[in-house]
Amino acid sequence: MTGIVSEGDLLRRVASSWSRRAVPHSRDRDDALANYVKARSWRIKDVMTTPVVSATPTATASQLAELLQAHGIKHVPVLDGGRLVGMISRRDLMRALLEIPADCTAAGDEALKTAVRSRLEAELEISPASVATTVSKGIVTLRGEAGSELEREAARVAAESVRGVGGVVNMIRIAGPVGSRVSL
């Protein structure tokens, strides 16, 4: 794909129509002239954005979200062998993410404990040696030490996000500096 005419390209054109200032002779003259051509030309090749940021049909939702955010764009063309096969917008991505079925978790405290423990380890790399997890009647209790208040809160959020958890009692302490720990 050679280029794409985006909403931003068209908005630049509208904004430019309100300003009729001369392009200054300054250090940035080349950039100003390029912007002038892009905003005022009637030729697609002058107006379009290049290079095109695109995705393949096998891209994941997380890869698409990273593309949109990294490039500050709202739409991504999907190319298969250089041929346009679709467009993905932020709205499409949000709709898909909201329609993802909730995690399926087996019923019972032991299943919840396993799911919470798994999430703490996989997503936050918090080991059972650092934070112990118990579950009683759907209420998760977290005990142990975290390196910071933010890590403590992240552990709470990870536990709360497991389907079936009825609440979280966060008893995680913040570990002090290594030299400040007192042994008895």
Protein backbone atom coordinates (compact mmCIF):
# COMPACT_ATOMS: atom_id res chain seq x y z
CA MET A 1 0.00 0.00 0.00
CA THR A 2 1.48 3.34 -1.08
CA GLY A 3 -0.37 5.70 1.28
CA ILE A 4 -3.65 6.50 2.96
CA VAL A 5 -5.78 9.63 3.25
CA SER A 6 -6.82 9.83 6.89
CA GLU A 7 -9.25 11.99 8.83
CA GLY A 8 -6.21 13.85 10.15
CA ASP A 9 -5.11 14.67 6.60
CA LEU A 10 -8.54 16.10 5.82
CA LEU A 11 -8.73 18.04 9.09
CA ARG A 12 -5.33 19.57 8.34
CA ARG A 13 -6.80 20.78 5.06
CA VAL A 14 -9.80 22.38 6.81
CA ALA A 15 -7.58 24.04 9.43
CA SER A 16 -5.26 25.33 6.73
CA SER A 17 -8.12 26.93 4.82
CA TRP A 18 -8.60 29.38 7.70
CA SER A 19 -4.98 30.54 7.64
CA ARG A 20 -3.49 32.33 4.64
CA ARG A 21 -0.13 33.31 6.13
CA ALA A 22 2.96 33.24 3.93
CA VAL A 23 5.45 30.41 4.39
CA PRO A 24 8.34 32.09 6.25
CA HIS A 25 11.97 32.02 5.14
CA SER A 26 13.38 30.35 8.22
CA ARG A 27 15.30 27.33 9.33
CA ASP A 28 12.05 25.31 9.23
CA ARG A 29 11.06 26.46 5.73
CA ASP A 30 11.27 22.96 4.21
CA ASP A 31 8.89 21.56 6.87
CA ALA A 32 6.55 24.53 6.40
CA LEU A 33 6.56 24.06 2.59
CA ALA A 34 5.86 20.31 2.98
CA ASN A 35 2.93 21.13 5.30
CA TYR A 36 1.68 23.72 2.80
CA VAL A 37 1.68 21.16 -0.04
CA LYS A 38 0.02 18.50 2.16
CA ALA A 39 -2.69 20.91 3.33
CA ARG A 40 -3.44 22.68 0.04
CA SER A 41 -2.84 20.23 -2.80
CA TRP A 42 -5.69 18.54 -4.65
CA ARG A 43 -3.55 15.52 -5.59
CA ILE A 44 -3.97 12.41 -3.47
CA LYS A 45 -0.22 11.67 -3.60
CA ASP A 46 0.46 15.03 -1.93
CA VAL A 47 -2.25 14.70 0.73
CA MET A 48 -1.90 11.05 1.76
CA THR A 49 0.05 9.86 4.77
CA THR A 50 3.09 7.71 4.07
CA PRO A 51 4.33 5.26 5.10
CA VAL A 52 1.16 3.39 5.99
CA VAL A 53 1.01 1.79 9.44
CA SER A 54 -0.79 -1.51 8.85
CA ALA A 55 -1.56 -4.88 10.38
CA THR A 56 -1.92 -8.40 9.07
CA PRO A 57 -5.08 -10.52 9.40
CA THR A 58 -3.34 -12.58 12.10
CA ALA A 59 -2.61 -9.59 14.39
CA THR A 60 -3.89 -9.90 17.95
CA ALA A 61 -6.07 -7.34 19.72
CA SER A 62 -3.12 -6.39 21.90
CA GLN A 63 -0.87 -5.84 18.85
CA LEU A 64 -3.55 -3.65 17.26
CA ALA A 65 -3.95 -1.62 20.46
CA GLU A 66 -0.17 -1.11 20.61
CA LEU A 67 -0.12 0.08 16.96
CA LEU A 68 -2.97 2.53 17.51
CA GLN A 69 -1.39 3.94 20.66
CA ALA A 70 2.22 4.05 19.47
CA HIS A 71 1.35 5.94 16.29
CA GLY A 72 -1.50 8.06 17.66
CA ILE A 73 -3.87 6.85 14.96
CA LYS A 74 -7.54 5.88 15.01
CA HIS A 75 -7.68 3.33 12.17
CA VAL A 76 -5.36 0.59 10.93
CA PRO A 77 -5.65 -0.93 7.45
CA VAL A 78 -5.36 -4.71 7.40
CA LEU A 79 -3.19 -5.97 4.55
CA ASP A 80 -2.82 -9.51 3.28
CA GLY A 81 0.00 -9.88 0.78
CA GLY A 82 -0.03 -6.12 0.15
CA ARG A 83 -3.78 -6.15 -0.61
CA LEU A 84 -6.27 -4.25 1.56
CA VAL A 85 -8.64 -6.74 3.22
CA GLY A 86 -10.12 -4.55 5.95
CA MET A 87 -9.88 -1.64 8.35
CA ILE A 88 -9.81 -1.79 12.13
CA SER A 89 -10.81 1.25 14.16
CA ARG A 90 -10.44 2.03 17.85
CA ARG A 91 -14.19 1.50 18.13
CA ASP A 92 -13.92 -1.98 16.53
CA LEU A 93 -11.17 -2.92 18.95
CA MET A 94 -13.11 -1.64 21.99
CA ARG A 95 -16.23 -3.53 20.87
CA ALA A 96 -14.23 -6.75 20.49
CA LEU A 97 -12.59 -6.34 23.88
CA LEU A 98 -15.91 -5.67 25.61
CA GLU A 99 -17.46 -8.76 24.04
CA ILE A 100 -14.74 -11.14 25.24
CA PRO A 101 -16.39 -13.76 27.43
CA ALA A 102 -15.46 -13.55 31.10
CA ASP A 103 -12.89 -16.00 32.42
CA CYS A 104 -14.43 -19.34 33.12
CA THR A 105 -13.51 -20.31 36.65
CA ALA A 106 -14.62 -23.49 38.34
CA ALA A 107 -16.84 -22.99 41.37
CA GLY A 108 -15.51 -23.26 44.90
CA ASP A 109 -12.90 -21.66 47.10
CA GLU A 110 -10.08 -23.97 46.01
CA ALA A 111 -10.68 -23.17 42.34
CA LEU A 112 -10.73 -19.43 43.12
CA LYS A 113 -7.49 -19.76 45.09
CA THR A 114 -5.85 -21.50 42.13
CA ALA A 115 -7.11 -18.86 39.70
CA VAL A 116 -5.94 -15.94 41.88
CA ARG A 117 -2.59 -17.60 42.54
CA SER A 118 -2.16 -18.21 38.81
CA ARG A 119 -2.99 -14.59 37.96
CA LEU A 120 -0.58 -13.22 40.60
CA GLU A 121 2.25 -15.36 39.25
CA ALA A 122 1.57 -15.00 35.51
CA GLU A 123 0.70 -11.29 35.38
CA LEU A 124 2.68 -9.80 38.28
CA GLU A 125 5.40 -12.42 38.92
CA ILE A 126 4.40 -12.52 42.60
CA SER A 127 5.34 -15.92 44.02
CA PRO A 128 3.45 -17.81 46.72
CA ALA A 129 6.51 -17.33 48.94
CA SER A 130 5.97 -13.53 48.81
CA VAL A 131 2.18 -13.41 49.05
CA ALA A 132 0.00 -16.17 50.46
CA THR A 133 -3.54 -16.55 49.16
CA THR A 134 -6.48 -17.97 51.07
CA VAL A 135 -10.14 -18.04 50.06
CA SER A 136 -13.18 -18.49 52.26
CA LYS A 137 -16.74 -18.24 50.91
CA GLY A 138 -15.46 -16.40 47.83
CA ILE A 139 -13.51 -13.80 49.82
CA VAL A 140 -9.79 -13.73 48.99
CA THR A 141 -7.26 -12.80 51.66
CA LEU A 142 -3.77 -11.79 50.57
CA ARG A 143 -0.93 -11.90 53.16
CA GLY A 144 2.75 -11.29 52.76
CA GLU A 145 5.09 -8.57 51.57
CA ALA A 146 5.25 -6.37 48.50
CA GLY A 147 8.06 -4.13 47.36
CA SER A 148 5.84 -1.05 47.05
CA GLU A 149 2.34 0.29 47.60
CA LEU A 150 1.79 0.04 43.84
CA GLU A 151 2.69 -3.66 43.83
CA ARG A 152 0.34 -4.19 46.82
CA GLU A 153 -2.52 -2.51 44.92
CA ALA A 154 -1.73 -4.42 41.70
CA ALA A 155 -2.04 -7.69 43.65
CA ARG A 156 -5.46 -6.58 44.94
CA VAL A 157 -6.61 -5.67 41.42
CA ALA A 158 -5.38 -9.00 40.03
CA ALA A 159 -7.34 -10.90 42.70
CA GLU A 160 -10.48 -8.78 42.22
CA SER A 161 -10.42 -9.39 38.48
CA VAL A 162 -10.87 -13.16 38.82
CA ARG A 163 -14.47 -14.07 38.03
CA GLY A 164 -16.29 -15.36 41.10
CA VAL A 165 -14.24 -13.45 43.68
CA GLY A 166 -16.66 -11.78 46.09
CA GLY A 167 -14.12 -9.44 47.68
CA VAL A 168 -10.48 -9.05 48.62
CA VAL A 169 -8.95 -8.49 52.05
CA ASN A 170 -5.53 -7.04 51.32
CA MET A 171 -3.22 -7.67 54.27
CA ILE A 172 -0.02 -7.34 52.24
CA ARG A 173 2.63 -5.29 54.04
CA ILE A 174 5.11 -3.03 52.31
CA ALA A 175 8.62 -4.40 52.77
CA GLY A 176 11.02 -1.86 54.24
CA PRO A 177 14.54 -1.33 52.94
CA VAL A 178 16.70 -4.44 53.34
CA GLY A 179 18.89 -2.85 56.05
CA SER A 180 15.88 -1.74 58.13
CA ARG A 181 14.44 -5.22 58.79
CA VAL A 182 14.76 -6.36 62.37
CA SER A 183 15.32 -10.04 63.15
CA LEU A 184 14.07 -11.46 66.43
